[in-house]
C-alpha atoms as a PDB file:
ATOM      1  CA  MET A   1     317.759  11.575 -13.044  1.00  0.00           C
ATOM      2  CA  VAL A   2     315.511   8.480 -13.074  1.00  0.00           C
ATOM      3  CA  ASP A   3     312.474  10.599 -13.874  1.00  0.00           C
ATOM      4  CA  GLN A   4     314.311  12.111 -16.857  1.00  0.00           C
ATOM      5  CA  LEU A   5     315.292   8.652 -18.125  1.00  0.00           C
ATOM      6  CA  VAL A   6     311.731   7.426 -17.709  1.00  0.00           C
ATOM      7  CA  GLU A   7     310.388  10.413 -19.628  1.00  0.00           C
ATOM      8  CA  LYS A   8     312.893   9.891 -22.453  1.00  0.00           C
ATOM      9  CA  ALA A   9     312.079   6.160 -22.556  1.00  0.00           C
ATOM     10  CA  ARG A  10     308.364   6.987 -22.717  1.00  0.00           C
ATOM     11  CA  ASN A  11     309.116   9.191 -25.717  1.00  0.00           C
ATOM     12  CA  GLY A  12     310.805   6.270 -27.485  1.00  0.00           C
ATOM     13  CA  SER A  13     314.477   6.583 -26.524  1.00  0.00           C
ATOM     14  CA  GLU A  14     315.957   3.071 -26.523  1.00  0.00           C
ATOM     15  CA  HIS A  15     319.166   4.425 -25.016  1.00  0.00           C
ATOM     16  CA  ALA A  16     317.260   5.852 -22.031  1.00  0.00           C
ATOM     17  CA  PHE A  17     315.440   2.555 -21.518  1.00  0.00           C
ATOM     18  CA  ARG A  18     318.744   0.621 -21.663  1.00  0.00           C
ATOM     19  CA  MET A  19     320.127   2.981 -19.022  1.00  0.00           C
ATOM     20  CA  LEU A  20     317.083   2.306 -16.827  1.00  0.00           C
ATOM     21  CA  ILE A  21     317.698  -1.417 -17.232  1.00  0.00           C
ATOM     22  CA  GLU A  22     321.377  -1.059 -16.335  1.00  0.00           C
ATOM     23  CA  LYS A  23     320.529   1.033 -13.300  1.00  0.00           C
ATOM     24  CA  HIS A  24     317.799  -1.304 -11.980  1.00  0.00           C
ATOM     25  CA  LYS A  25     318.482  -4.775 -13.424  1.00  0.00           C
ATOM     26  CA  GLN A  26     320.105  -6.152 -10.254  1.00  0.00           C
ATOM     27  CA  TYR A  27     317.262  -4.785  -8.157  1.00  0.00           C
ATOM     28  CA  VAL A  28     314.631  -6.398 -10.419  1.00  0.00           C
ATOM     29  CA  PHE A  29     316.530  -9.691 -10.347  1.00  0.00           C
ATOM     30  CA  THR A  30     316.687  -9.573  -6.537  1.00  0.00           C
ATOM     31  CA  CYS A  31     312.931  -8.954  -6.287  1.00  0.00           C
ATOM     32  CA  VAL A  32     312.137 -11.812  -8.653  1.00  0.00           C
ATOM     33  CA  TYR A  33     314.665 -14.186  -7.085  1.00  0.00           C
ATOM     34  CA  GLY A  34     313.187 -13.499  -3.662  1.00  0.00           C
ATOM     35  CA  VAL A  35     309.941 -15.092  -4.837  1.00  0.00           C
ATOM     36  CA  LEU A  36     311.194 -17.812  -7.196  1.00  0.00           C
ATOM     37  CA  ARG A  37     314.362 -18.941  -5.367  1.00  0.00           C
ATOM     38  CA  ASN A  38     315.869 -20.301  -8.583  1.00  0.00           C
ATOM     39  CA  GLN A  39     318.621 -18.501 -10.499  1.00  0.00           C
ATOM     40  CA  LYS A  40     317.623 -19.571 -14.032  1.00  0.00           C
ATOM     41  CA  ASP A  41     313.910 -18.957 -13.488  1.00  0.00           C
ATOM     42  CA  ALA A  42     314.685 -15.568 -11.926  1.00  0.00           C
ATOM     43  CA  GLU A  43     316.868 -14.576 -14.901  1.00  0.00           C
ATOM     44  CA  ASP A  44     314.121 -15.535 -17.370  1.00  0.00           C
ATOM     45  CA  ALA A  45     311.432 -13.815 -15.329  1.00  0.00           C
ATOM     46  CA  SER A  46     313.575 -10.662 -15.017  1.00  0.00           C
ATOM     47  CA  GLN A  47     313.754 -10.416 -18.804  1.00  0.00           C
ATOM     48  CA  GLU A  48     309.985 -10.778 -18.995  1.00  0.00           C
ATOM     49  CA  VAL A  49     309.575  -8.101 -16.315  1.00  0.00           C
ATOM     50  CA  TRP A  50     311.608  -5.636 -18.397  1.00  0.00           C
ATOM     51  CA  MET A  51     309.377  -6.361 -21.404  1.00  0.00           C
ATOM     52  CA  LYS A  52     306.325  -5.675 -19.236  1.00  0.00           C
ATOM     53  CA  ILE A  53     307.886  -2.468 -17.936  1.00  0.00           C
ATOM     54  CA  TYR A  54     308.611  -1.312 -21.484  1.00  0.00           C
ATOM     55  CA  SER A  55     305.077  -1.992 -22.671  1.00  0.00           C
ATOM     56  CA  SER A  56     303.611  -0.382 -19.522  1.00  0.00           C
ATOM     57  CA  LEU A  57     305.685   2.817 -19.626  1.00  0.00           C
ATOM     58  CA  PRO A  58     302.879   4.855 -21.237  1.00  0.00           C
ATOM     59  CA  ARG A  59     300.693   4.079 -18.192  1.00  0.00           C
ATOM     60  CA  TYR A  60     303.382   5.022 -15.636  1.00  0.00           C
ATOM     61  CA  GLU A  61     302.206   8.048 -13.616  1.00  0.00           C
ATOM     62  CA  ASN A  62     305.482   9.410 -12.147  1.00  0.00           C
ATOM     63  CA  GLN A  63     304.729   8.137  -8.650  1.00  0.00           C
ATOM     64  CA  GLY A  64     307.983   6.420  -7.700  1.00  0.00           C
ATOM     65  CA  PHE A  65     309.640   4.426 -10.432  1.00  0.00           C
ATOM     66  CA  LYS A  66     311.318   1.924  -8.124  1.00  0.00           C
ATOM     67  CA  THR A  67     308.039   1.169  -6.315  1.00  0.00           C
ATOM     68  CA  TRP A  68     306.265   0.708  -9.640  1.00  0.00           C
ATOM     69  CA  VAL A  69     309.016  -1.595 -10.931  1.00  0.00           C
ATOM     70  CA  THR A  70     308.946  -3.583  -7.683  1.00  0.00           C
ATOM     71  CA  ARG A  71     305.211  -4.170  -7.982  1.00  0.00           C
ATOM     72  CA  ILE A  72     305.540  -5.368 -11.592  1.00  0.00           C
ATOM     73  CA  ALA A  73     308.500  -7.629 -10.726  1.00  0.00           C
ATOM     74  CA  VAL A  74     306.921  -9.224  -7.667  1.00  0.00           C
ATOM     75  CA  ASN A  75     303.545  -9.743  -9.362  1.00  0.00           C
ATOM     76  CA  HIS A  76     305.211 -11.344 -12.374  1.00  0.00           C
ATOM     77  CA  ALA A  77     307.320 -13.615 -10.152  1.00  0.00           C
ATOM     78  CA  ILE A  78     304.200 -14.725  -8.277  1.00  0.00           C
ATOM     79  CA  ASP A  79     302.493 -15.466 -11.611  1.00  0.00           C
ATOM     80  CA  CYS A  80     305.515 -17.524 -12.698  1.00  0.00           C
ATOM     81  CA  LYS A  81     305.440 -19.477  -9.455  1.00  0.00           C
ATOM     82  CA  ARG A  82     301.732 -20.218  -9.908  1.00  0.00           C
ATOM     83  CA  LYS A  83     302.342 -21.446 -13.458  1.00  0.00           C
ATOM     84  CA  VAL A  84     305.019 -23.844 -12.210  1.00  0.00           C
ATOM     85  CA  GLY A  85     302.611 -25.138  -9.558  1.00  0.00           C
ATOM     86  CA  ARG A  86     299.890 -25.690 -12.159  1.00  0.00           C
ATOM     87  CA  LYS A  87     302.303 -27.505 -14.465  1.00  0.00           C
ATOM     88  CA  ARG A  88     303.342 -29.820 -11.616  1.00  0.00           C
ATOM     89  CA  ALA A  89     299.696 -30.543 -10.828  1.00  0.00           C
ATOM     90  CA  GLU A  90     298.992 -31.303 -14.489  1.00  0.00           C
ATOM     91  CA  LEU A  91     301.992 -33.615 -14.671  1.00  0.00           C
ATOM     92  CA  THR A  92     300.899 -35.610 -11.640  1.00  0.00           C
ATOM     93  CA  GLU A  93     297.381 -35.893 -13.059  1.00  0.00           C
ATOM     94  CA  GLU A  94     298.829 -37.328 -16.255  1.00  0.00           C
ATOM     95  CA  LEU A  95     300.992 -39.985 -14.573  1.00  0.00           C
ATOM     96  CA  PRO A  96     300.958 -43.201 -16.554  1.00  0.00           C
ATOM     97  CA  GLU A  97     299.379 -46.248 -14.942  1.00  0.00           C
ATOM     98  CA  LYS A  98     302.781 -47.894 -14.338  1.00  0.00           C
ATOM     99  CA  GLU A  99     303.960 -44.893 -12.338  1.00  0.00           C
ATOM    100  CA  MET A 100     300.721 -44.957 -10.360  1.00  0.00           C
ATOM    101  CA  ARG A 101     301.372 -48.637  -9.551  1.00  0.00           C
ATOM    102  CA  ASP A 102     304.925 -47.740  -8.578  1.00  0.00           C
ATOM    103  CA  SER A 103     303.653 -45.139  -6.172  1.00  0.00           C
ATOM    104  CA  VAL A 104     301.318 -47.757  -4.670  1.00  0.00           C
ATOM    105  CA  GLU A 105     304.317 -50.066  -4.271  1.00  0.00           C
ATOM    106  CA  VAL A 106     306.330 -47.273  -2.676  1.00  0.00           C
ATOM    107  CA  ARG A 107     303.476 -46.518  -0.282  1.00  0.00           C
ATOM    108  CA  LEU A 108     303.228 -50.203   0.610  1.00  0.00           C
ATOM    109  CA  LEU A 109     306.965 -50.363   1.320  1.00  0.00           C
ATOM    110  CA  LYS A 110     306.750 -47.258   3.480  1.00  0.00           C
ATOM    111  CA  LYS A 111     303.827 -48.762   5.369  1.00  0.00           C
ATOM    112  CA  GLU A 112     305.776 -51.985   5.951  1.00  0.00           C
ATOM    113  CA  GLN A 113     308.785 -49.980   7.119  1.00  0.00           C
ATOM    114  CA  LYS A 114     306.608 -48.001   9.528  1.00  0.00           C
ATOM    115  CA  GLU A 115     305.174 -51.238  10.932  1.00  0.00           C
ATOM    116  CA  LEU A 116     308.668 -52.675  11.370  1.00  0.00           C
ATOM    117  CA  VAL A 117     309.828 -49.520  13.124  1.00  0.00           C
ATOM    118  CA  GLN A 118     306.747 -49.562  15.372  1.00  0.00           C
ATOM    119  CA  LYS A 119     307.527 -53.170  16.318  1.00  0.00           C
ATOM    120  CA  HIS A 120     311.062 -52.155  17.297  1.00  0.00           C
ATOM    121  CA  LEU A 121     309.772 -49.065  19.114  1.00  0.00           C
ATOM    122  CA  GLU A 122     308.407 -51.350  21.821  1.00  0.00           C
ATOM    123  CA  ASP A 123     312.008 -51.680  23.059  1.00  0.00           C
ATOM    124  CA  VAL A 124     312.517 -47.919  23.325  1.00  0.00           C
ATOM    125  CA  PRO A 125     311.997 -46.323  26.777  1.00  0.00           C
ATOM    126  CA  ASP A 126     308.504 -44.823  27.183  1.00  0.00           C
ATOM    127  CA  SER A 127     309.495 -41.149  27.344  1.00  0.00           C
ATOM    128  CA  TYR A 128     311.495 -41.481  24.113  1.00  0.00           C
ATOM    129  CA  ARG A 129     308.871 -43.625  22.401  1.00  0.00           C
ATOM    130  CA  ARG A 130     306.136 -41.011  22.816  1.00  0.00           C
ATOM    131  CA  VAL A 131     308.166 -38.256  21.127  1.00  0.00           C
ATOM    132  CA  ILE A 132     309.482 -40.592  18.391  1.00  0.00           C
ATOM    133  CA  GLU A 133     305.972 -41.803  17.552  1.00  0.00           C
ATOM    134  CA  GLY A 134     304.555 -38.289  17.689  1.00  0.00           C
ATOM    135  CA  PHE A 135     307.269 -36.728  15.555  1.00  0.00           C
ATOM    136  CA  TYR A 136     308.028 -39.436  13.001  1.00  0.00           C
ATOM    137  CA  ILE A 137     304.871 -41.523  12.781  1.00  0.00           C
ATOM    138  CA  GLU A 138     302.129 -39.000  13.536  1.00  0.00           C
ATOM    139  CA  ASP A 139     304.027 -36.108  11.849  1.00  0.00           C
ATOM    140  CA  LYS A 140     303.522 -33.722  14.762  1.00  0.00           C
ATOM    141  CA  THR A 141     305.616 -30.590  15.215  1.00  0.00           C
ATOM    142  CA  TYR A 142     307.852 -29.869  18.198  1.00  0.00           C
ATOM    143  CA  GLN A 143     305.268 -27.323  19.347  1.00  0.00           C
ATOM    144  CA  GLN A 144     302.398 -29.826  19.205  1.00  0.00           C
ATOM    145  CA  LEU A 145     304.404 -32.416  21.120  1.00  0.00           C
ATOM    146  CA  ALA A 146     305.451 -29.864  23.741  1.00  0.00           C
ATOM    147  CA  LYS A 147     301.836 -28.826  24.253  1.00  0.00           C
ATOM    148  CA  GLU A 148     300.680 -32.446  24.619  1.00  0.00           C
ATOM    149  CA  GLU A 149     303.499 -33.312  27.026  1.00  0.00           C
ATOM    150  CA  HIS A 150     303.084 -30.006  28.935  1.00  0.00           C
ATOM    151  CA  VAL A 151     306.785 -29.175  28.521  1.00  0.00           C
ATOM    152  CA  GLN A 152     308.951 -26.622  26.722  1.00  0.00           C
ATOM    153  CA  VAL A 153     309.857 -27.086  23.036  1.00  0.00           C
ATOM    154  CA  LYS A 154     313.527 -27.377  24.068  1.00  0.00           C
ATOM    155  CA  THR A 155     312.599 -30.387  26.203  1.00  0.00           C
ATOM    156  CA  ILE A 156     311.076 -32.105  23.169  1.00  0.00           C
ATOM    157  CA  GLU A 157     314.180 -31.307  21.105  1.00  0.00           C
ATOM    158  CA  MET A 158     316.359 -32.795  23.844  1.00  0.00           C
ATOM    159  CA  LYS A 159     314.187 -35.919  24.147  1.00  0.00           C
ATOM    160  CA  LEU A 160     314.296 -36.463  20.377  1.00  0.00           C
ATOM    161  CA  TYR A 161     318.059 -36.032  20.385  1.00  0.00           C
ATOM    162  CA  ARG A 162     318.441 -38.563  23.202  1.00  0.00           C
ATOM    163  CA  ALA A 163     315.949 -40.942  21.582  1.00  0.00           C
ATOM    164  CA  ARG A 164     317.880 -40.868  18.307  1.00  0.00           C
ATOM    165  CA  ARG A 165     321.108 -41.488  20.204  1.00  0.00           C
ATOM    166  CA  TRP A 166     319.496 -44.427  22.045  1.00  0.00           C
ATOM    167  CA  ILE A 167     318.236 -45.870  18.754  1.00  0.00           C
ATOM    168  CA  ARG A 168     321.662 -45.565  17.087  1.00  0.00           C
ATOM    169  CA  LYS A 169     323.211 -47.369  20.022  1.00  0.00           C
ATOM    170  CA  HIS A 170     320.662 -50.208  20.351  1.00  0.00           C
ATOM    171  CA  TRP A 171     319.250 -50.876  16.879  1.00  0.00           C
ATOM    172  CA  LYS A 172     321.154 -52.680  14.169  1.00  0.00           C
ATOM    173  CA  GLU A 173     320.685 -52.048  10.461  1.00  0.00           C
ATOM    174  CA  GLU A 174     320.293 -55.786   9.785  1.00  0.00           C
ATOM    175  CA  ASP A 175     317.080 -55.784  11.822  1.00  0.00           C
ATOM    176  CA  PHE A 176     315.436 -53.645   9.138  1.00  0.00           C
ATOM    177  CA  ILE A 177     316.520 -55.405   5.952  1.00  0.00           C
END
């Protein structure tokens, strides 16, 4: 049935093309959403995919309509995602000087906070301190910490849990203001 609809749509039948859309629109949306992970963007991209499908119908070679549609949908979604990434990069390049200063101020505050935390870390028991510093200050993963400590990942998770519990019990918020 799909092949007949495709053939009719290729010959100019709008009704056949609308039926193809109805039959496959949820599938196309799912493919696009799987890449974009945003409802509105996926809806817009799905519409664009159907326009591409319509304009590409003359080149379709009857080799699995759903596979062909999937390839168009996924490729278009990837293109959309790249465009969004480029736009973000352009926006950050065009940040006004004030915003650049703000980001310097934010970085300075973060640095001061890190120093304050490191000062307080001296009170934390050694085994907890190593995993806290590795995870939060050096941005290491559980796997990296486990490898360095020669222990299982679960052991690192447990140490971090206990370290956080120790910190909640012994540190006061006023010490950091």
